[in-house]
N, C-alpha and C. Protein backbone atom coordinates (compact mmCIF):
# COMPACT_ATOMS: atom_id res chain seq x y z
N UNK A 1 -7.82 -1.56 -33.14
CA UNK A 1 -8.21 -0.31 -32.56
C UNK A 1 -7.34 -0.27 -31.13
N UNK A 2 -6.52 0.89 -30.78
CA UNK A 2 -5.62 0.99 -29.65
C UNK A 2 -6.51 0.97 -28.20
N UNK A 3 -5.94 0.27 -27.43
CA UNK A 3 -6.76 -0.12 -26.22
C UNK A 3 -5.92 0.57 -25.08
N UNK A 4 -4.83 0.03 -25.01
CA UNK A 4 -3.70 0.91 -23.78
C UNK A 4 -2.51 1.67 -24.76
N UNK A 5 -2.28 2.47 -24.29
CA UNK A 5 -1.34 3.15 -25.13
C UNK A 5 0.46 2.63 -24.28
N UNK A 6 1.06 2.59 -24.91
CA UNK A 6 2.32 2.25 -24.19
C UNK A 6 2.92 2.78 -22.99
N UNK A 7 2.45 3.70 -22.82
CA UNK A 7 2.91 4.51 -21.55
C UNK A 7 1.47 4.98 -20.90
N UNK A 8 0.77 4.22 -21.08
CA UNK A 8 -0.60 4.68 -20.41
C UNK A 8 -0.42 4.51 -18.57
N UNK A 9 -0.61 5.28 -17.72
CA UNK A 9 -0.26 5.08 -16.34
C UNK A 9 -1.01 3.99 -15.81
N UNK A 10 -2.31 3.58 -16.36
CA UNK A 10 -2.69 2.18 -15.56
C UNK A 10 -2.23 0.89 -16.19
N UNK A 11 -1.41 0.86 -17.36
CA UNK A 11 -0.72 -0.07 -17.82
C UNK A 11 0.54 0.00 -17.10
N UNK A 12 1.20 0.98 -16.63
CA UNK A 12 2.55 1.02 -15.89
C UNK A 12 2.23 0.80 -14.26
N UNK A 13 1.19 1.11 -14.05
CA UNK A 13 0.84 0.43 -12.23
C UNK A 13 0.30 -0.87 -12.26
N UNK A 14 -0.17 -1.38 -13.55
CA UNK A 14 -0.53 -2.78 -13.61
C UNK A 14 0.87 -3.80 -13.56
N UNK A 15 1.85 -3.15 -14.34
CA UNK A 15 3.04 -3.66 -14.63
C UNK A 15 3.66 -3.70 -13.23
N UNK A 16 3.84 -2.41 -12.20
CA UNK A 16 4.39 -2.57 -11.22
C UNK A 16 3.82 -3.47 -10.13
N UNK A 17 2.64 -3.58 -10.59
CA UNK A 17 1.97 -4.59 -9.35
C UNK A 17 2.26 -5.84 -9.93
N UNK A 18 2.35 -6.20 -11.08
CA UNK A 18 2.72 -7.84 -11.50
C UNK A 18 4.56 -7.89 -11.13
N UNK A 19 5.09 -6.78 -11.45
CA UNK A 19 6.60 -7.18 -11.01
C UNK A 19 6.70 -7.49 -9.93
N UNK A 20 5.93 -6.97 -8.75
CA UNK A 20 6.29 -6.97 -7.43
C UNK A 20 5.54 -8.56 -6.91
N UNK A 21 4.58 -8.91 -7.74
CA UNK A 21 4.13 -10.19 -7.56
C UNK A 21 4.85 -11.19 -8.10
N UNK A 22 5.63 -10.83 -9.19
CA UNK A 22 6.45 -12.08 -9.91
C UNK A 22 7.56 -12.16 -8.84
N UNK A 23 8.29 -11.09 -8.22
CA UNK A 23 9.54 -10.92 -7.32
C UNK A 23 9.42 -11.76 -6.48
N UNK A 24 8.03 -11.70 -5.57
CA UNK A 24 7.65 -12.31 -4.36
C UNK A 24 7.69 -13.85 -4.75
N UNK A 25 7.05 -14.35 -5.59
CA UNK A 25 6.91 -15.68 -6.17
C UNK A 25 8.36 -16.17 -6.21
N UNK A 26 9.24 -15.49 -7.07
CA UNK A 26 10.23 -16.01 -7.18
C UNK A 26 11.23 -16.24 -5.84
N UNK A 27 10.99 -15.27 -5.12
CA UNK A 27 11.68 -15.16 -3.61
C UNK A 27 11.27 -16.32 -2.66
N UNK A 28 9.96 -16.62 -3.00
CA UNK A 28 9.38 -18.02 -2.42
C UNK A 28 9.85 -19.14 -2.78
N UNK A 29 10.12 -19.19 -4.11
CA UNK A 29 10.82 -20.21 -4.96
C UNK A 29 12.24 -20.66 -4.53
N UNK A 30 12.87 -19.65 -4.36
CA UNK A 30 14.25 -19.71 -4.35
C UNK A 30 14.56 -19.71 -2.55
N UNK A 31 13.96 -19.30 -1.78
CA UNK A 31 14.61 -19.55 -0.61
C UNK A 31 14.70 -20.64 -0.06
N UNK A 32 15.75 -21.05 0.72
CA UNK A 32 15.86 -22.35 1.57
C UNK A 32 15.50 -22.16 2.93
N UNK A 33 14.68 -23.16 3.24
CA UNK A 33 14.15 -23.29 4.79
C UNK A 33 14.90 -24.27 5.66
N UNK A 34 15.72 -23.99 6.50
CA UNK A 34 16.24 -25.23 7.33
C UNK A 34 16.21 -24.82 8.64
N UNK A 35 15.58 -23.91 9.27
CA UNK A 35 15.67 -23.50 10.44
C UNK A 35 14.44 -22.53 10.83
N UNK A 36 14.26 -22.17 12.11
CA UNK A 36 13.43 -21.24 12.42
C UNK A 36 13.76 -19.54 12.02
N UNK A 37 15.07 -19.41 12.00
CA UNK A 37 15.47 -17.99 11.49
C UNK A 37 15.21 -17.93 9.99
N UNK A 38 15.24 -19.06 9.10
CA UNK A 38 15.01 -18.88 7.69
C UNK A 38 13.30 -18.61 7.58
N UNK A 39 12.82 -19.22 8.51
CA UNK A 39 11.29 -19.19 8.42
C UNK A 39 11.00 -17.82 8.59
N UNK A 40 11.57 -17.00 9.76
CA UNK A 40 11.29 -15.90 9.99
C UNK A 40 11.85 -14.65 9.01
N UNK A 41 12.82 -15.07 8.17
CA UNK A 41 13.00 -14.25 7.15
C UNK A 41 12.39 -14.27 6.23
N UNK A 42 11.60 -15.51 5.75
CA UNK A 42 10.85 -15.58 4.78
C UNK A 42 9.43 -14.95 5.12
N UNK A 43 8.91 -15.03 6.12
CA UNK A 43 7.79 -14.39 6.30
C UNK A 43 7.95 -12.81 6.65
N UNK A 44 9.02 -12.39 7.00
CA UNK A 44 9.27 -10.98 7.25
C UNK A 44 9.28 -10.41 5.55
N UNK A 45 10.13 -11.14 4.75
CA UNK A 45 10.32 -10.46 3.13
C UNK A 45 8.65 -10.58 2.78
N UNK A 46 8.30 -11.55 2.86
CA UNK A 46 6.84 -11.77 2.23
C UNK A 46 5.92 -10.69 2.54
N UNK A 47 6.08 -10.20 3.60
CA UNK A 47 4.81 -9.35 4.48
C UNK A 47 5.44 -7.90 3.74
N UNK A 48 6.69 -7.61 3.36
CA UNK A 48 7.25 -6.70 2.68
C UNK A 48 6.86 -6.42 1.31
N UNK A 49 6.83 -7.87 0.76
CA UNK A 49 6.12 -7.60 -0.72
C UNK A 49 4.64 -7.27 -0.57
N UNK A 50 3.92 -8.23 0.21
CA UNK A 50 2.38 -7.77 0.73
C UNK A 50 2.14 -6.26 0.79
N UNK A 51 2.86 -5.77 1.56
CA UNK A 51 2.65 -4.48 1.95
C UNK A 51 2.84 -3.51 0.71
N UNK A 52 4.07 -3.58 0.05
CA UNK A 52 4.18 -3.05 -1.20
C UNK A 52 2.96 -3.09 -2.26
N UNK A 53 2.35 -4.05 -2.37
CA UNK A 53 1.58 -4.62 -3.25
C UNK A 53 0.21 -3.78 -2.43
N UNK A 54 0.11 -3.89 -1.37
CA UNK A 54 -1.23 -2.97 -0.95
C UNK A 54 -1.00 -1.55 -1.56
N UNK A 55 0.16 -1.00 -1.44
CA UNK A 55 0.30 0.46 -1.46
C UNK A 55 0.13 0.70 -3.15
N UNK A 56 0.54 -0.32 -3.92
CA UNK A 56 0.37 -0.32 -5.58
C UNK A 56 -1.12 -0.43 -5.76
N UNK A 57 -1.70 -1.15 -5.02
CA UNK A 57 -3.37 -1.36 -5.46
C UNK A 57 -3.89 -0.12 -4.84
N UNK A 58 -3.47 0.61 -3.77
CA UNK A 58 -4.09 1.77 -3.22
C UNK A 58 -4.35 3.07 -4.30
N UNK A 59 -3.06 2.91 -4.83
CA UNK A 59 -2.76 3.86 -6.06
C UNK A 59 -3.39 3.83 -6.90
N UNK A 60 -3.52 2.54 -7.49
CA UNK A 60 -4.35 2.46 -9.06
C UNK A 60 -5.77 2.62 -8.55
N UNK A 61 -5.96 2.53 -7.41
CA UNK A 61 -7.94 2.60 -7.20
C UNK A 61 -7.89 4.39 -6.82
N UNK A 62 -6.90 4.87 -6.38
CA UNK A 62 -7.01 6.54 -6.42
C UNK A 62 -7.12 7.07 -7.67
N UNK A 63 -6.20 6.41 -8.77
CA UNK A 63 -6.26 7.01 -9.84
C UNK A 63 -7.55 6.55 -10.74
N UNK A 64 -8.27 5.44 -10.43
CA UNK A 64 -9.13 5.21 -11.25
C UNK A 64 -10.60 6.09 -10.67
N UNK A 65 -10.30 6.43 -9.51
CA UNK A 65 -11.33 7.56 -8.88
C UNK A 65 -11.49 8.64 -9.56
N UNK A 66 -10.07 9.22 -9.85
CA UNK A 66 -9.53 10.60 -10.56
C UNK A 66 -9.83 10.53 -12.08
N UNK A 67 -9.85 9.14 -12.78
CA UNK A 67 -9.79 9.42 -14.19
C UNK A 67 -11.19 9.62 -14.84
N UNK A 68 -11.49 10.49 -15.70
CA UNK A 68 -12.60 10.82 -16.35
C UNK A 68 -12.78 9.50 -17.60
N UNK A 69 -11.87 9.17 -18.24
CA UNK A 69 -11.56 8.42 -19.13
C UNK A 69 -10.49 7.10 -18.97
N UNK A 70 -10.93 5.86 -19.12
CA UNK A 70 -9.66 4.82 -18.77
C UNK A 70 -9.43 4.09 -20.14
N UNK A 71 -8.39 3.62 -20.48
CA UNK A 71 -8.35 2.79 -21.47
C UNK A 71 -9.04 1.62 -21.95
N UNK A 72 -9.38 0.94 -20.97
CA UNK A 72 -10.29 -0.19 -20.97
C UNK A 72 -11.02 0.10 -19.72
N UNK A 73 -12.06 -0.59 -19.80
CA UNK A 73 -13.05 -0.34 -18.57
C UNK A 73 -12.71 -0.61 -17.39
N UNK A 74 -13.08 0.50 -16.41
CA UNK A 74 -12.27 0.81 -15.11
C UNK A 74 -12.50 -0.30 -14.10
N UNK A 75 -13.94 -1.22 -14.33
CA UNK A 75 -14.29 -2.22 -13.85
C UNK A 75 -13.19 -3.43 -14.11
N UNK A 76 -12.67 -3.53 -15.19
CA UNK A 76 -11.96 -4.57 -15.43
C UNK A 76 -10.51 -4.29 -15.05
N UNK A 77 -10.21 -2.92 -14.84
CA UNK A 77 -8.50 -2.64 -14.21
C UNK A 77 -8.75 -2.93 -12.74
N UNK A 78 -10.16 -2.60 -12.31
CA UNK A 78 -9.96 -2.80 -10.79
C UNK A 78 -10.31 -4.01 -10.35
N UNK A 79 -10.95 -4.83 -11.14
CA UNK A 79 -11.14 -6.41 -10.78
C UNK A 79 -9.88 -7.16 -11.14
N UNK A 80 -9.00 -6.72 -12.13
CA UNK A 80 -7.69 -7.17 -12.53
C UNK A 80 -6.69 -6.86 -11.17
N UNK A 81 -6.49 -5.69 -10.92
CA UNK A 81 -5.77 -5.43 -9.66
C UNK A 81 -6.00 -6.16 -8.43
N UNK A 82 -7.60 -6.03 -7.93
CA UNK A 82 -7.96 -6.89 -7.00
C UNK A 82 -7.52 -8.38 -7.02
N UNK A 83 -7.60 -8.91 -8.15
CA UNK A 83 -7.11 -10.33 -8.21
C UNK A 83 -5.76 -10.80 -8.25
N UNK A 84 -4.98 -9.82 -8.43
CA UNK A 84 -3.55 -10.01 -8.61
C UNK A 84 -3.37 -9.66 -6.93
N UNK A 85 -3.67 -8.73 -6.31
CA UNK A 85 -3.61 -9.00 -5.00
C UNK A 85 -3.97 -9.88 -3.80
N UNK A 86 -5.17 -10.63 -4.76
CA UNK A 86 -5.38 -11.96 -3.88
C UNK A 86 -4.25 -12.86 -3.94
N UNK A 87 -3.61 -12.91 -5.41
CA UNK A 87 -2.42 -13.92 -5.36
C UNK A 87 -1.30 -13.61 -4.60
N UNK A 88 -1.03 -12.24 -4.48
CA UNK A 88 -0.05 -11.96 -3.54
C UNK A 88 -0.45 -12.21 -2.06
N UNK A 89 -1.60 -11.75 -1.51
CA UNK A 89 -2.05 -12.05 -0.16
C UNK A 89 -1.91 -13.63 0.00
N UNK A 90 -2.42 -14.40 -0.93
CA UNK A 90 -2.31 -16.17 -0.81
C UNK A 90 -0.63 -16.11 -0.53
N UNK A 91 0.21 -15.76 -1.17
CA UNK A 91 1.82 -16.06 -1.17
C UNK A 91 2.07 -15.79 0.30
N UNK A 92 1.75 -14.46 0.58
CA UNK A 92 2.34 -13.99 2.01
C UNK A 92 1.61 -14.91 3.07
N UNK A 93 0.30 -15.42 2.96
CA UNK A 93 -0.40 -16.34 3.96
C UNK A 93 0.34 -17.71 4.13
N UNK A 94 0.95 -17.99 2.82
CA UNK A 94 1.78 -19.29 2.85
C UNK A 94 2.87 -19.25 3.84
N UNK A 95 3.62 -18.29 3.76
CA UNK A 95 4.84 -17.95 4.62
C UNK A 95 4.24 -17.67 5.53
N UNK A 96 3.31 -16.71 6.19
CA UNK A 96 2.82 -16.85 7.53
C UNK A 96 2.37 -18.29 8.21
N UNK A 97 1.80 -19.14 7.43
CA UNK A 97 1.39 -20.34 7.89
C UNK A 97 2.72 -21.33 8.19
N UNK A 98 3.67 -21.31 7.43
CA UNK A 98 4.69 -21.84 7.57
C UNK A 98 5.52 -21.60 9.01
N UNK A 99 5.56 -20.23 8.98
CA UNK A 99 6.17 -19.93 10.45
C UNK A 99 5.31 -19.94 11.37
N UNK A 100 4.12 -20.22 11.40
CA UNK A 100 3.21 -20.49 12.42
C UNK A 100 3.36 -21.90 12.78
N UNK A 101 3.41 -22.79 11.94
CA UNK A 101 3.42 -24.13 12.29
C UNK A 101 4.97 -24.73 12.36
N UNK A 102 5.90 -23.66 12.18
CA UNK A 102 7.35 -24.06 12.40
C UNK A 102 7.83 -25.35 11.63
N UNK A 103 7.64 -25.21 10.15
CA UNK A 103 7.58 -26.20 9.29
C UNK A 103 9.09 -25.78 8.29
N UNK A 104 10.25 -26.37 9.34
CA UNK A 104 11.39 -25.85 8.67
C UNK A 104 12.15 -26.97 7.72
N UNK A 105 11.11 -27.66 7.41
CA UNK A 105 11.53 -29.00 6.21
C UNK A 105 10.42 -29.01 5.52
N UNK A 106 10.43 -28.30 4.42
CA UNK A 106 9.14 -28.10 3.63
C UNK A 106 9.10 -29.48 2.56
N UNK A 107 8.14 -29.81 2.31
CA UNK A 107 7.96 -31.28 1.62
C UNK A 107 8.19 -30.86 0.25
N UNK A 108 8.35 -32.11 -0.52
CA UNK A 108 8.69 -31.94 -1.97
C UNK A 108 7.27 -31.47 -2.95
N UNK A 109 6.25 -31.65 -1.98
CA UNK A 109 4.93 -31.33 -2.41
C UNK A 109 4.91 -29.67 -2.44
N UNK A 110 5.29 -28.99 -1.24
CA UNK A 110 5.48 -27.79 -0.90
C UNK A 110 6.19 -26.87 -2.11
N UNK A 111 7.24 -27.71 -2.57
CA UNK A 111 8.23 -27.17 -3.53
C UNK A 111 7.96 -27.16 -4.77
N UNK A 112 7.20 -28.18 -4.92
CA UNK A 112 6.32 -28.50 -6.44
C UNK A 112 5.35 -27.47 -6.48
N UNK A 113 4.42 -27.09 -5.53
CA UNK A 113 3.59 -25.90 -5.66
C UNK A 113 4.07 -24.67 -5.91
N UNK A 114 5.34 -24.33 -5.19
CA UNK A 114 5.69 -22.89 -5.53
C UNK A 114 6.51 -22.63 -6.78
N UNK A 115 6.85 -23.59 -7.32
CA UNK A 115 7.47 -23.75 -8.67
C UNK A 115 6.39 -23.55 -9.73
N UNK A 116 5.35 -24.14 -9.52
CA UNK A 116 4.29 -24.03 -10.54
C UNK A 116 3.50 -22.56 -10.34
N UNK A 117 3.53 -22.08 -9.03
CA UNK A 117 2.92 -21.08 -9.00
C UNK A 117 3.95 -19.67 -9.31
N UNK A 118 5.08 -19.96 -9.22
CA UNK A 118 5.87 -18.97 -10.04
C UNK A 118 5.87 -18.87 -11.65
N UNK A 119 5.79 -20.10 -11.96
CA UNK A 119 5.38 -20.23 -13.63
C UNK A 119 4.45 -19.35 -13.79
N UNK A 120 3.27 -19.50 -13.11
CA UNK A 120 1.95 -18.78 -13.25
C UNK A 120 2.27 -17.61 -13.08
N UNK A 121 2.76 -17.05 -12.25
CA UNK A 121 3.14 -15.80 -11.98
C UNK A 121 4.02 -14.96 -13.20
N UNK A 122 4.72 -15.76 -13.87
CA UNK A 122 5.33 -15.28 -15.00
C UNK A 122 4.62 -15.22 -16.25
N UNK A 123 3.67 -15.98 -16.36
CA UNK A 123 2.80 -15.93 -17.46
C UNK A 123 1.76 -14.74 -17.33
N UNK A 124 1.29 -14.33 -15.91
CA UNK A 124 0.70 -13.24 -15.78
C UNK A 124 1.46 -12.00 -16.10
N UNK A 125 2.67 -12.06 -15.90
CA UNK A 125 3.40 -10.56 -16.24
C UNK A 125 3.51 -10.40 -17.65
N UNK A 126 3.63 -11.61 -18.37
CA UNK A 126 3.69 -11.68 -19.92
C UNK A 126 2.43 -10.75 -20.48
N UNK A 127 1.22 -11.36 -19.73
CA UNK A 127 -0.03 -11.08 -20.20
C UNK A 127 -0.14 -9.41 -19.83
N UNK A 128 0.56 -8.90 -18.83
CA UNK A 128 0.20 -7.66 -18.58
C UNK A 128 1.00 -6.68 -19.63
N UNK A 129 2.34 -7.45 -19.99
CA UNK A 129 3.13 -6.62 -21.11
C UNK A 129 2.68 -6.49 -22.25
N UNK A 130 1.80 -7.68 -22.68
CA UNK A 130 1.01 -7.84 -24.08
C UNK A 130 -0.02 -6.71 -23.98
N UNK A 131 -0.60 -6.68 -23.00
CA UNK A 131 -1.68 -5.62 -22.66
C UNK A 131 -1.46 -4.43 -23.37
N UNK A 132 -0.20 -4.03 -22.55
CA UNK A 132 0.34 -2.54 -22.59
C UNK A 132 0.52 -2.28 -24.16
N UNK A 133 0.97 -3.31 -24.86
CA UNK A 133 1.35 -3.33 -26.17
C UNK A 133 0.23 -3.37 -27.20
N UNK A 134 -0.96 -3.77 -26.45
CA UNK A 134 -2.11 -3.71 -27.20
C UNK A 134 -2.37 -4.83 -28.09
N UNK A 135 -1.61 -5.95 -27.63
CA UNK A 135 -1.36 -7.18 -28.39
C UNK A 135 -2.37 -8.30 -27.83
N UNK A 136 -3.72 -8.06 -27.82
CA UNK A 136 -4.61 -8.55 -26.64
C UNK A 136 -4.88 -9.89 -27.17
N UNK A 137 -4.88 -10.19 -28.52
CA UNK A 137 -5.28 -11.70 -29.16
C UNK A 137 -3.57 -12.47 -28.54
N UNK A 138 -2.68 -12.13 -28.45
CA UNK A 138 -1.51 -12.78 -27.84
C UNK A 138 -1.69 -13.12 -26.43
N UNK A 139 -2.48 -12.61 -25.83
CA UNK A 139 -2.49 -12.91 -24.30
C UNK A 139 -3.06 -14.30 -24.24
N UNK A 140 -4.01 -14.87 -24.99
CA UNK A 140 -4.59 -15.94 -24.86
C UNK A 140 -3.81 -17.30 -24.67
N UNK A 141 -2.83 -17.25 -25.69
CA UNK A 141 -1.94 -18.23 -25.40
C UNK A 141 -1.44 -18.26 -23.79
N UNK A 142 -0.94 -17.30 -23.24
CA UNK A 142 -0.65 -17.17 -21.76
C UNK A 142 -1.62 -17.58 -20.92
N UNK A 143 -2.89 -17.29 -21.15
CA UNK A 143 -4.01 -17.47 -20.10
C UNK A 143 -4.05 -19.11 -20.23
N UNK A 144 -4.03 -19.71 -21.35
CA UNK A 144 -3.93 -21.13 -21.27
C UNK A 144 -2.75 -21.77 -20.48
N UNK A 145 -1.71 -20.98 -20.53
CA UNK A 145 -0.48 -21.88 -19.55
C UNK A 145 -1.01 -21.50 -18.24
N UNK A 146 -1.50 -20.46 -17.82
CA UNK A 146 -1.96 -20.20 -16.35
C UNK A 146 -2.96 -21.09 -15.84
N UNK A 147 -3.97 -21.58 -16.89
CA UNK A 147 -4.88 -22.61 -16.55
C UNK A 147 -4.48 -24.03 -16.51
N UNK A 148 -3.17 -23.93 -17.20
CA UNK A 148 -2.33 -25.21 -17.13
C UNK A 148 -1.70 -25.61 -15.87
N UNK A 149 -1.25 -24.53 -15.33
CA UNK A 149 -0.70 -24.39 -14.23
C UNK A 149 -1.54 -24.81 -12.97
N UNK A 150 -2.83 -24.32 -13.09
CA UNK A 150 -3.85 -24.23 -12.12
C UNK A 150 -4.22 -25.95 -12.00
N UNK A 151 -4.22 -26.61 -13.12
CA UNK A 151 -4.45 -27.94 -13.48
C UNK A 151 -3.18 -28.99 -12.76
N UNK A 152 -2.14 -28.35 -13.12
CA UNK A 152 -1.06 -29.14 -12.07
C UNK A 152 -0.97 -28.79 -10.74
N UNK A 153 -1.54 -27.63 -10.09
CA UNK A 153 -1.62 -27.48 -8.78
C UNK A 153 -2.78 -28.50 -8.07
N UNK A 154 -4.14 -28.61 -8.93
CA UNK A 154 -4.80 -29.58 -8.50
C UNK A 154 -4.40 -31.06 -8.33
N UNK A 155 -3.37 -31.60 -9.40
CA UNK A 155 -3.01 -32.67 -9.26
C UNK A 155 -1.79 -33.04 -7.97
N UNK A 156 -1.09 -31.63 -7.66
CA UNK A 156 -0.24 -31.82 -6.50
C UNK A 156 -1.08 -31.83 -5.45
N UNK A 157 -2.18 -31.06 -5.17
CA UNK A 157 -2.91 -31.22 -4.12
C UNK A 157 -3.41 -32.60 -3.92
N UNK A 158 -3.95 -33.19 -4.79
CA UNK A 158 -4.65 -34.71 -4.78
C UNK A 158 -3.25 -35.47 -4.05
N UNK A 159 -2.09 -35.47 -4.62
CA UNK A 159 -1.04 -36.54 -4.43
C UNK A 159 -0.52 -36.06 -3.09
N UNK A 160 -0.39 -34.63 -2.69
CA UNK A 160 0.13 -34.61 -1.39
C UNK A 160 -0.75 -34.79 -0.17
N UNK A 161 -2.06 -34.66 -0.36
CA UNK A 161 -2.79 -35.06 0.80
C UNK A 161 -3.06 -36.52 0.56
N UNK A 162 -3.14 -37.27 -0.25
CA UNK A 162 -2.65 -38.85 -0.33
C UNK A 162 -1.72 -39.14 0.21
N UNK A 163 -0.47 -38.70 0.19
CA UNK A 163 0.58 -38.83 0.68
C UNK A 163 0.51 -38.73 2.41
N UNK A 164 -0.05 -37.42 2.81
CA UNK A 164 0.11 -37.13 4.18
C UNK A 164 -0.66 -37.91 4.69
N UNK A 165 -1.74 -38.60 4.64
CA UNK A 165 -2.69 -39.42 5.09
C UNK A 165 -1.98 -40.49 5.37
N UNK A 166 -1.09 -41.05 4.28
CA UNK A 166 -0.72 -42.47 4.20
C UNK A 166 0.66 -42.59 5.07
N UNK A 167 1.37 -41.28 5.22
CA UNK A 167 2.68 -41.48 6.00
C UNK A 167 2.65 -40.66 7.37
N UNK A 168 1.79 -39.85 7.36
CA UNK A 168 2.17 -38.92 8.77
C UNK A 168 1.19 -39.70 9.71
N UNK A 169 1.56 -39.79 11.08
CA UNK A 169 0.60 -40.44 12.34
C UNK A 169 0.12 -39.33 13.05
N UNK A 170 0.62 -38.04 13.18
CA UNK A 170 0.11 -37.14 14.03
C UNK A 170 -0.57 -36.49 13.35
N UNK A 171 -1.87 -36.50 14.08
CA UNK A 171 -3.08 -35.55 13.83
C UNK A 171 -2.87 -34.10 13.49
N UNK A 172 -1.89 -33.48 14.15
CA UNK A 172 -1.95 -32.22 14.13
C UNK A 172 -0.95 -31.70 12.99
N UNK A 173 -0.10 -32.40 12.83
CA UNK A 173 0.58 -32.34 11.62
C UNK A 173 -0.18 -32.29 10.32
N UNK A 174 -1.00 -33.64 10.35
CA UNK A 174 -1.85 -33.59 9.27
C UNK A 174 -2.70 -32.32 9.21
N UNK A 175 -3.34 -31.75 10.13
CA UNK A 175 -4.14 -30.76 9.94
C UNK A 175 -3.50 -29.54 9.59
N UNK A 176 -1.97 -29.27 10.05
CA UNK A 176 -1.35 -28.33 9.67
C UNK A 176 -1.13 -28.04 8.17
N UNK A 177 -0.12 -29.09 7.67
CA UNK A 177 0.20 -29.53 6.48
C UNK A 177 -0.79 -29.55 5.53
N UNK A 178 -2.09 -30.03 5.64
CA UNK A 178 -2.89 -30.05 4.73
C UNK A 178 -3.62 -28.50 4.85
N UNK A 179 -3.54 -27.81 5.55
CA UNK A 179 -3.79 -26.35 5.35
C UNK A 179 -2.91 -25.70 4.52
N UNK A 180 -1.62 -25.88 4.61
CA UNK A 180 -0.70 -25.58 3.79
C UNK A 180 -0.93 -25.78 2.19
N UNK A 181 -0.96 -26.88 2.39
CA UNK A 181 -1.43 -27.33 0.67
C UNK A 181 -2.60 -26.95 0.10
N UNK A 182 -3.64 -26.90 0.97
CA UNK A 182 -4.89 -26.30 0.42
C UNK A 182 -4.80 -24.79 -0.20
N UNK A 183 -4.10 -24.15 1.00
CA UNK A 183 -3.69 -22.50 0.72
C UNK A 183 -2.87 -22.62 -0.57
N UNK A 184 -1.99 -23.14 -0.89
CA UNK A 184 -1.06 -23.26 -1.94
C UNK A 184 -2.08 -23.46 -3.35
N UNK A 185 -2.97 -24.40 -3.35
CA UNK A 185 -3.85 -24.62 -4.50
C UNK A 185 -4.78 -23.68 -4.45
N UNK A 186 -5.27 -23.14 -3.41
CA UNK A 186 -5.95 -22.06 -3.70
C UNK A 186 -5.55 -20.80 -4.56
N UNK A 187 -3.95 -20.51 -4.43
CA UNK A 187 -3.59 -19.30 -4.93
C UNK A 187 -3.54 -19.64 -6.35
N UNK A 188 -3.39 -20.94 -6.71
CA UNK A 188 -3.53 -21.11 -8.45
C UNK A 188 -4.55 -20.77 -8.93
N UNK A 189 -5.89 -20.97 -8.18
CA UNK A 189 -7.25 -20.60 -8.36
C UNK A 189 -7.38 -19.25 -8.54
N UNK A 190 -6.68 -18.52 -7.81
CA UNK A 190 -6.76 -17.01 -7.89
C UNK A 190 -5.89 -16.59 -9.00
N UNK A 191 -4.68 -17.30 -9.32
CA UNK A 191 -4.43 -17.05 -10.69
C UNK A 191 -5.04 -17.47 -12.06
N UNK A 192 -5.89 -18.26 -11.92
CA UNK A 192 -6.85 -18.68 -12.95
C UNK A 192 -7.90 -17.48 -13.06
N UNK A 193 -8.27 -16.89 -12.01
CA UNK A 193 -9.34 -15.84 -11.81
C UNK A 193 -8.61 -14.80 -12.50
N UNK A 194 -7.38 -14.52 -12.47
CA UNK A 194 -6.65 -13.38 -13.11
C UNK A 194 -6.76 -13.56 -14.83
N UNK A 195 -6.46 -14.98 -15.05
CA UNK A 195 -6.59 -15.23 -16.57
C UNK A 195 -8.10 -15.12 -17.07
N UNK A 196 -9.11 -15.38 -16.20
CA UNK A 196 -10.25 -15.01 -16.43
C UNK A 196 -10.65 -13.87 -16.99
N UNK A 197 -9.94 -12.87 -16.10
CA UNK A 197 -10.20 -11.38 -16.47
C UNK A 197 -9.63 -11.18 -17.87
N UNK A 198 -8.33 -11.40 -17.97
CA UNK A 198 -7.91 -11.16 -18.91
C UNK A 198 -8.61 -11.71 -20.21
N UNK A 199 -9.37 -12.92 -20.34
CA UNK A 199 -10.08 -13.14 -21.31
C UNK A 199 -11.44 -12.38 -21.44
N UNK A 200 -11.75 -12.07 -20.67
CA UNK A 200 -12.90 -10.90 -20.45
C UNK A 200 -12.48 -9.62 -21.35
N UNK A 201 -11.13 -9.12 -20.86
CA UNK A 201 -11.05 -8.05 -21.61
C UNK A 201 -10.66 -8.29 -23.12
N UNK A 202 -10.28 -9.45 -23.54
CA UNK A 202 -9.96 -9.68 -24.88
C UNK A 202 -11.24 -9.81 -25.46
N UNK A 203 -12.38 -10.40 -24.73
CA UNK A 203 -13.72 -10.37 -25.56
C UNK A 203 -14.01 -9.09 -26.04
N UNK A 204 -14.15 -8.11 -24.85
CA UNK A 204 -14.53 -7.08 -24.86
C UNK A 204 -14.06 -5.73 -25.89
N UNK A 205 -12.52 -6.07 -26.07
CA UNK A 205 -11.87 -4.97 -26.98
C UNK A 205 -11.19 -5.39 -28.14
N UNK A 206 -10.90 -6.67 -28.35
CA UNK A 206 -9.90 -7.47 -29.30
C UNK A 206 -10.93 -7.36 -30.79
């Protein structure tokens, strides 16, 4: 049974949201931080992605209010959009924290986190593409991968905090880095929230 037509406006809007999210996570992964100017560039660019994301979210909410019939439950479309926005907000907050705390030498744990998060965002994009093509059951393989990425981030958090307390003597630095680590792990939880919404959509419509 058709769920979302190939050129359905909500499918296109969700695709735009996830494309912006994937671009932002890729930028965070690829950016080299060596000094305060790099941090400023990172923070400014991530804020641009976040602002664009807010605009895209607003547009889909407006369309949901106007639409008499939606291809899937409007509540599911809204929840999906809002959880995607949570992921993007988390990435933007990470950049803001790094600038705030002047972290000009990101740790290997920070790099590991953003690599895993980029992978998760790529899987989210694949899910949206399959949703647009009405291949709902195929989405599940990607939601499983998203949850695997979340588990990896849990492991990174444990390792990073353990290393932090073992090697860092400055209590202020410990507080700052721990906050960054925990924020990065929280983003992986947001990605898993997105995966759970996809699972709900599959159960309702497949």
